[in-house]
Amino acid sequence: MDAVAWSKEFSSDAQFVNILGQTMDGNTAIRDRHAFLFNGPFKGSRLASTVSRLKFVGPLAAVVECNQSLTGYVALPPGARETQPGVLKTRMVHVVAKVNGTWTVISTQNTQLQPS
């Protein structure tokens, strides 16, 4: 996975809350944290993401909910737990806005699904 490509979808002042409740403020912080993950614990992993709900809250804003499954990781960050053996499942919610004709992510909350 490519942290530069991942982060370019976020606005310069975006906020990202990860599965541990840690906050990254701004596109640069989001890029840097994901570069660490993609080159470390998640190196060689595969992320499958499916949009489960799209709710427009006007012509220039929407909430996008996604179900995600991460597999093939080397390790999980301290505090994270597998949802099932070899799989980390999360629910990611993005708030997106259309700015100067382009959709951009302005806020994201990623929530780990607990093992059953």
N, C-alpha and C. Protein backbone atom coordinates (compact mmCIF):
# COMPACT_ATOMS: atom_id res chain seq x y z
N MET A 1 0.85 -1.17 0.00
CA MET A 1 0.00 0.00 0.00
C MET A 1 0.89 1.23 0.00
N ASP A 2 0.39 2.30 -0.57
CA ASP A 2 1.15 3.52 -0.78
C ASP A 2 0.57 4.65 0.07
N ALA A 3 1.31 5.12 1.05
CA ALA A 3 0.84 6.15 1.97
C ALA A 3 0.60 7.48 1.26
N VAL A 4 1.42 7.81 0.27
CA VAL A 4 1.23 9.06 -0.47
C VAL A 4 -0.09 9.02 -1.23
N ALA A 5 -0.33 7.92 -1.94
CA ALA A 5 -1.59 7.78 -2.68
C ALA A 5 -2.78 7.75 -1.71
N TRP A 6 -2.64 7.05 -0.60
CA TRP A 6 -3.71 6.97 0.41
C TRP A 6 -4.06 8.36 0.94
N SER A 7 -3.05 9.12 1.29
CA SER A 7 -3.28 10.40 1.97
C SER A 7 -3.72 11.52 1.03
N LYS A 8 -3.50 11.38 -0.27
CA LYS A 8 -3.86 12.48 -1.18
C LYS A 8 -5.37 12.70 -1.25
N GLU A 9 -6.16 11.73 -0.79
CA GLU A 9 -7.62 11.88 -0.78
C GLU A 9 -8.10 12.74 0.38
N PHE A 10 -7.21 13.02 1.34
CA PHE A 10 -7.57 13.79 2.53
C PHE A 10 -7.23 15.26 2.35
N SER A 11 -8.08 16.14 2.88
CA SER A 11 -7.81 17.57 2.83
C SER A 11 -6.60 17.89 3.71
N SER A 12 -6.01 19.05 3.49
CA SER A 12 -4.81 19.42 4.25
C SER A 12 -5.10 19.52 5.74
N ASP A 13 -6.35 19.82 6.12
CA ASP A 13 -6.71 19.94 7.53
C ASP A 13 -7.61 18.80 8.02
N ALA A 14 -7.57 17.67 7.32
CA ALA A 14 -8.40 16.52 7.69
C ALA A 14 -8.01 15.98 9.05
N GLN A 15 -8.94 15.27 9.66
CA GLN A 15 -8.66 14.57 10.91
C GLN A 15 -8.95 13.08 10.69
N PHE A 16 -8.08 12.23 11.24
CA PHE A 16 -8.23 10.78 11.15
C PHE A 16 -8.12 10.22 12.55
N VAL A 17 -9.14 9.49 12.99
CA VAL A 17 -9.11 8.82 14.29
C VAL A 17 -8.98 7.33 14.00
N ASN A 18 -7.89 6.73 14.50
CA ASN A 18 -7.63 5.32 14.19
C ASN A 18 -8.36 4.38 15.14
N ILE A 19 -8.16 3.09 14.97
CA ILE A 19 -8.90 2.09 15.74
C ILE A 19 -8.57 2.10 17.23
N LEU A 20 -7.48 2.76 17.60
CA LEU A 20 -7.10 2.86 19.01
C LEU A 20 -7.53 4.19 19.62
N GLY A 21 -8.20 5.01 18.83
CA GLY A 21 -8.65 6.32 19.33
C GLY A 21 -7.61 7.41 19.21
N GLN A 22 -6.50 7.11 18.56
CA GLN A 22 -5.46 8.12 18.35
C GLN A 22 -5.85 9.01 17.18
N THR A 23 -5.56 10.30 17.32
CA THR A 23 -5.95 11.28 16.32
C THR A 23 -4.75 11.76 15.53
N MET A 24 -4.92 11.82 14.21
CA MET A 24 -3.94 12.42 13.32
C MET A 24 -4.60 13.66 12.71
N ASP A 25 -3.96 14.79 12.88
CA ASP A 25 -4.51 16.03 12.36
C ASP A 25 -3.71 16.50 11.17
N GLY A 26 -4.37 16.60 10.03
CA GLY A 26 -3.74 17.09 8.81
C GLY A 26 -3.25 15.99 7.91
N ASN A 27 -3.23 16.29 6.64
CA ASN A 27 -2.83 15.35 5.61
C ASN A 27 -1.43 14.80 5.83
N THR A 28 -0.51 15.65 6.26
CA THR A 28 0.87 15.20 6.46
C THR A 28 0.96 14.17 7.58
N ALA A 29 0.28 14.40 8.69
CA ALA A 29 0.29 13.44 9.80
C ALA A 29 -0.36 12.13 9.38
N ILE A 30 -1.43 12.21 8.60
CA ILE A 30 -2.10 11.01 8.11
C ILE A 30 -1.16 10.22 7.20
N ARG A 31 -0.49 10.91 6.30
CA ARG A 31 0.48 10.27 5.40
C ARG A 31 1.61 9.61 6.18
N ASP A 32 2.19 10.34 7.12
CA ASP A 32 3.34 9.84 7.85
C ASP A 32 2.99 8.60 8.69
N ARG A 33 1.85 8.62 9.36
CA ARG A 33 1.45 7.47 10.18
C ARG A 33 1.21 6.25 9.30
N HIS A 34 0.54 6.47 8.16
CA HIS A 34 0.25 5.34 7.28
C HIS A 34 1.51 4.84 6.57
N ALA A 35 2.48 5.72 6.33
CA ALA A 35 3.76 5.26 5.77
C ALA A 35 4.43 4.31 6.75
N PHE A 36 4.40 4.65 8.04
CA PHE A 36 4.95 3.76 9.06
C PHE A 36 4.23 2.41 9.05
N LEU A 37 2.89 2.44 9.03
CA LEU A 37 2.12 1.20 9.05
C LEU A 37 2.36 0.36 7.79
N PHE A 38 2.31 1.03 6.61
CA PHE A 38 2.43 0.30 5.35
C PHE A 38 3.82 -0.28 5.14
N ASN A 39 4.83 0.33 5.75
CA ASN A 39 6.21 -0.16 5.62
C ASN A 39 6.65 -1.00 6.81
N GLY A 40 5.78 -1.12 7.81
CA GLY A 40 6.10 -1.88 9.02
C GLY A 40 5.10 -2.99 9.24
N PRO A 41 4.21 -2.83 10.24
CA PRO A 41 3.31 -3.92 10.61
C PRO A 41 2.38 -4.39 9.50
N PHE A 42 2.01 -3.49 8.59
CA PHE A 42 1.07 -3.86 7.52
C PHE A 42 1.77 -4.14 6.19
N LYS A 43 3.10 -4.22 6.20
CA LYS A 43 3.84 -4.47 4.95
C LYS A 43 3.37 -5.79 4.33
N GLY A 44 3.04 -5.75 3.05
CA GLY A 44 2.59 -6.93 2.34
C GLY A 44 1.14 -7.31 2.59
N SER A 45 0.44 -6.49 3.34
CA SER A 45 -0.95 -6.80 3.66
C SER A 45 -1.88 -6.45 2.50
N ARG A 46 -3.13 -6.90 2.65
CA ARG A 46 -4.16 -6.61 1.65
C ARG A 46 -5.37 -6.05 2.38
N LEU A 47 -5.89 -4.92 1.88
CA LEU A 47 -7.07 -4.30 2.46
C LEU A 47 -8.22 -4.39 1.46
N ALA A 48 -9.29 -5.04 1.88
CA ALA A 48 -10.52 -5.10 1.08
C ALA A 48 -11.52 -4.16 1.74
N SER A 49 -12.10 -3.27 0.96
CA SER A 49 -13.04 -2.28 1.50
C SER A 49 -14.29 -2.23 0.63
N THR A 50 -15.44 -2.24 1.30
CA THR A 50 -16.72 -2.19 0.60
C THR A 50 -17.55 -1.07 1.20
N VAL A 51 -18.08 -0.22 0.34
CA VAL A 51 -18.97 0.85 0.81
C VAL A 51 -20.29 0.20 1.23
N SER A 52 -20.67 0.41 2.49
CA SER A 52 -21.92 -0.17 2.99
C SER A 52 -23.05 0.85 3.05
N ARG A 53 -22.68 2.13 3.07
CA ARG A 53 -23.70 3.18 3.12
C ARG A 53 -23.12 4.49 2.61
N LEU A 54 -23.89 5.18 1.81
CA LEU A 54 -23.52 6.50 1.31
C LEU A 54 -24.70 7.41 1.57
N LYS A 55 -24.48 8.45 2.37
CA LYS A 55 -25.56 9.36 2.75
C LYS A 55 -25.14 10.79 2.42
N PHE A 56 -25.81 11.38 1.41
CA PHE A 56 -25.55 12.77 1.08
C PHE A 56 -26.27 13.65 2.10
N VAL A 57 -25.57 14.64 2.60
CA VAL A 57 -26.16 15.59 3.55
C VAL A 57 -26.24 16.98 2.93
N GLY A 58 -26.37 16.98 1.63
CA GLY A 58 -26.44 18.20 0.83
C GLY A 58 -25.66 17.95 -0.45
N PRO A 59 -25.66 18.92 -1.35
CA PRO A 59 -24.96 18.71 -2.62
C PRO A 59 -23.44 18.70 -2.51
N LEU A 60 -22.91 19.15 -1.38
CA LEU A 60 -21.46 19.29 -1.25
C LEU A 60 -20.86 18.47 -0.11
N ALA A 61 -21.66 17.59 0.49
CA ALA A 61 -21.14 16.80 1.62
C ALA A 61 -21.83 15.45 1.68
N ALA A 62 -21.09 14.45 2.16
CA ALA A 62 -21.65 13.10 2.30
C ALA A 62 -20.91 12.36 3.40
N VAL A 63 -21.57 11.33 3.92
CA VAL A 63 -20.97 10.40 4.88
C VAL A 63 -20.85 9.07 4.16
N VAL A 64 -19.66 8.49 4.15
CA VAL A 64 -19.39 7.23 3.47
C VAL A 64 -18.95 6.21 4.52
N GLU A 65 -19.72 5.14 4.67
CA GLU A 65 -19.39 4.09 5.63
C GLU A 65 -18.87 2.88 4.86
N CYS A 66 -17.75 2.33 5.34
CA CYS A 66 -17.11 1.20 4.67
C CYS A 66 -16.84 0.07 5.66
N ASN A 67 -17.01 -1.15 5.18
CA ASN A 67 -16.59 -2.35 5.91
C ASN A 67 -15.25 -2.75 5.33
N GLN A 68 -14.27 -3.01 6.22
CA GLN A 68 -12.92 -3.31 5.76
C GLN A 68 -12.40 -4.58 6.40
N SER A 69 -11.57 -5.29 5.64
CA SER A 69 -10.87 -6.48 6.15
C SER A 69 -9.41 -6.37 5.75
N LEU A 70 -8.54 -6.43 6.74
CA LEU A 70 -7.09 -6.39 6.52
C LEU A 70 -6.54 -7.79 6.77
N THR A 71 -5.81 -8.31 5.80
CA THR A 71 -5.20 -9.63 5.91
C THR A 71 -3.74 -9.55 5.48
N GLY A 72 -2.97 -10.56 5.81
CA GLY A 72 -1.58 -10.64 5.36
C GLY A 72 -0.62 -9.70 6.06
N TYR A 73 -1.00 -9.18 7.21
CA TYR A 73 -0.13 -8.25 7.94
C TYR A 73 0.94 -9.02 8.70
N VAL A 74 2.02 -8.31 9.00
CA VAL A 74 3.12 -8.86 9.79
C VAL A 74 2.73 -8.88 11.26
N ALA A 75 2.12 -7.80 11.71
CA ALA A 75 1.71 -7.65 13.11
C ALA A 75 0.63 -6.58 13.17
N LEU A 76 -0.02 -6.50 14.33
CA LEU A 76 -0.96 -5.42 14.57
C LEU A 76 -0.35 -4.45 15.57
N PRO A 77 -0.72 -3.18 15.50
CA PRO A 77 -0.20 -2.23 16.48
C PRO A 77 -0.60 -2.65 17.90
N PRO A 78 0.22 -2.34 18.89
CA PRO A 78 -0.13 -2.65 20.27
C PRO A 78 -1.52 -2.11 20.62
N GLY A 79 -2.33 -2.96 21.21
CA GLY A 79 -3.69 -2.57 21.57
C GLY A 79 -4.74 -3.04 20.59
N ALA A 80 -4.35 -3.36 19.37
CA ALA A 80 -5.29 -3.88 18.37
C ALA A 80 -5.36 -5.39 18.51
N ARG A 81 -6.53 -5.94 18.20
CA ARG A 81 -6.71 -7.40 18.28
C ARG A 81 -7.34 -7.90 17.00
N GLU A 82 -6.93 -9.08 16.59
CA GLU A 82 -7.53 -9.70 15.41
C GLU A 82 -9.03 -9.91 15.65
N THR A 83 -9.80 -9.71 14.61
CA THR A 83 -11.23 -9.99 14.70
C THR A 83 -11.47 -11.49 14.61
N GLN A 84 -10.67 -12.12 13.78
CA GLN A 84 -10.61 -13.57 13.69
C GLN A 84 -9.18 -13.88 13.27
N PRO A 85 -8.73 -15.12 13.38
CA PRO A 85 -7.33 -15.41 13.07
C PRO A 85 -6.91 -14.89 11.69
N GLY A 86 -5.89 -14.03 11.68
CA GLY A 86 -5.34 -13.50 10.44
C GLY A 86 -6.15 -12.40 9.80
N VAL A 87 -7.18 -11.91 10.48
CA VAL A 87 -8.06 -10.88 9.88
C VAL A 87 -8.35 -9.79 10.91
N LEU A 88 -8.17 -8.55 10.49
CA LEU A 88 -8.59 -7.39 11.26
C LEU A 88 -9.73 -6.73 10.50
N LYS A 89 -10.91 -6.71 11.10
CA LYS A 89 -12.06 -6.07 10.45
C LYS A 89 -12.36 -4.76 11.15
N THR A 90 -12.66 -3.76 10.33
CA THR A 90 -12.99 -2.44 10.87
C THR A 90 -14.18 -1.85 10.13
N ARG A 91 -14.73 -0.85 10.74
CA ARG A 91 -15.80 -0.04 10.15
C ARG A 91 -15.23 1.37 10.05
N MET A 92 -15.06 1.87 8.83
CA MET A 92 -14.48 3.19 8.61
C MET A 92 -15.58 4.13 8.11
N VAL A 93 -15.67 5.28 8.76
CA VAL A 93 -16.66 6.28 8.37
C VAL A 93 -15.91 7.54 7.96
N HIS A 94 -16.16 7.98 6.72
CA HIS A 94 -15.56 9.20 6.19
C HIS A 94 -16.62 10.27 6.05
N VAL A 95 -16.25 11.49 6.36
CA VAL A 95 -17.05 12.66 5.99
C VAL A 95 -16.31 13.29 4.82
N VAL A 96 -17.00 13.43 3.71
CA VAL A 96 -16.37 13.98 2.51
C VAL A 96 -17.09 15.25 2.10
N ALA A 97 -16.34 16.13 1.45
CA ALA A 97 -16.90 17.39 0.98
C ALA A 97 -16.39 17.66 -0.43
N LYS A 98 -17.23 18.30 -1.22
CA LYS A 98 -16.83 18.71 -2.56
C LYS A 98 -16.26 20.11 -2.47
N VAL A 99 -14.96 20.22 -2.73
CA VAL A 99 -14.25 21.49 -2.62
C VAL A 99 -13.63 21.81 -3.98
N ASN A 100 -14.01 22.94 -4.54
CA ASN A 100 -13.51 23.34 -5.86
C ASN A 100 -13.72 22.23 -6.89
N GLY A 101 -14.87 21.57 -6.82
CA GLY A 101 -15.23 20.56 -7.80
C GLY A 101 -14.66 19.17 -7.56
N THR A 102 -13.90 18.99 -6.48
CA THR A 102 -13.27 17.69 -6.19
C THR A 102 -13.71 17.19 -4.82
N TRP A 103 -14.07 15.91 -4.74
CA TRP A 103 -14.44 15.31 -3.46
C TRP A 103 -13.17 15.02 -2.67
N THR A 104 -13.18 15.40 -1.39
CA THR A 104 -12.04 15.20 -0.51
C THR A 104 -12.52 14.74 0.86
N VAL A 105 -11.71 13.93 1.52
CA VAL A 105 -12.04 13.46 2.86
C VAL A 105 -11.65 14.54 3.86
N ILE A 106 -12.61 14.92 4.73
CA ILE A 106 -12.29 15.93 5.74
C ILE A 106 -12.22 15.34 7.14
N SER A 107 -12.81 14.16 7.33
CA SER A 107 -12.75 13.51 8.63
C SER A 107 -12.99 12.01 8.46
N THR A 108 -12.25 11.22 9.24
CA THR A 108 -12.39 9.76 9.20
C THR A 108 -12.32 9.19 10.61
N GLN A 109 -13.20 8.24 10.88
CA GLN A 109 -13.18 7.48 12.13
C GLN A 109 -13.11 6.01 11.75
N ASN A 110 -12.09 5.30 12.22
CA ASN A 110 -11.95 3.88 11.95
C ASN A 110 -12.16 3.13 13.26
N THR A 111 -13.09 2.21 13.28
CA THR A 111 -13.43 1.47 14.49
C THR A 111 -13.20 -0.02 14.27
N GLN A 112 -12.41 -0.60 15.14
CA GLN A 112 -12.13 -2.03 15.08
C GLN A 112 -13.36 -2.82 15.48
N LEU A 113 -13.69 -3.85 14.71
CA LEU A 113 -14.75 -4.75 15.10
C LEU A 113 -14.15 -5.77 16.06
N GLN A 114 -14.82 -6.01 17.13
CA GLN A 114 -14.31 -6.90 18.18
C GLN A 114 -14.49 -8.37 17.79
N PRO A 115 -13.57 -9.19 18.29
CA PRO A 115 -13.73 -10.63 18.06
C PRO A 115 -15.05 -11.11 18.66
N SER A 116 -15.65 -12.10 18.01
CA SER A 116 -16.91 -12.61 18.55
C SER A 116 -16.70 -13.80 19.45
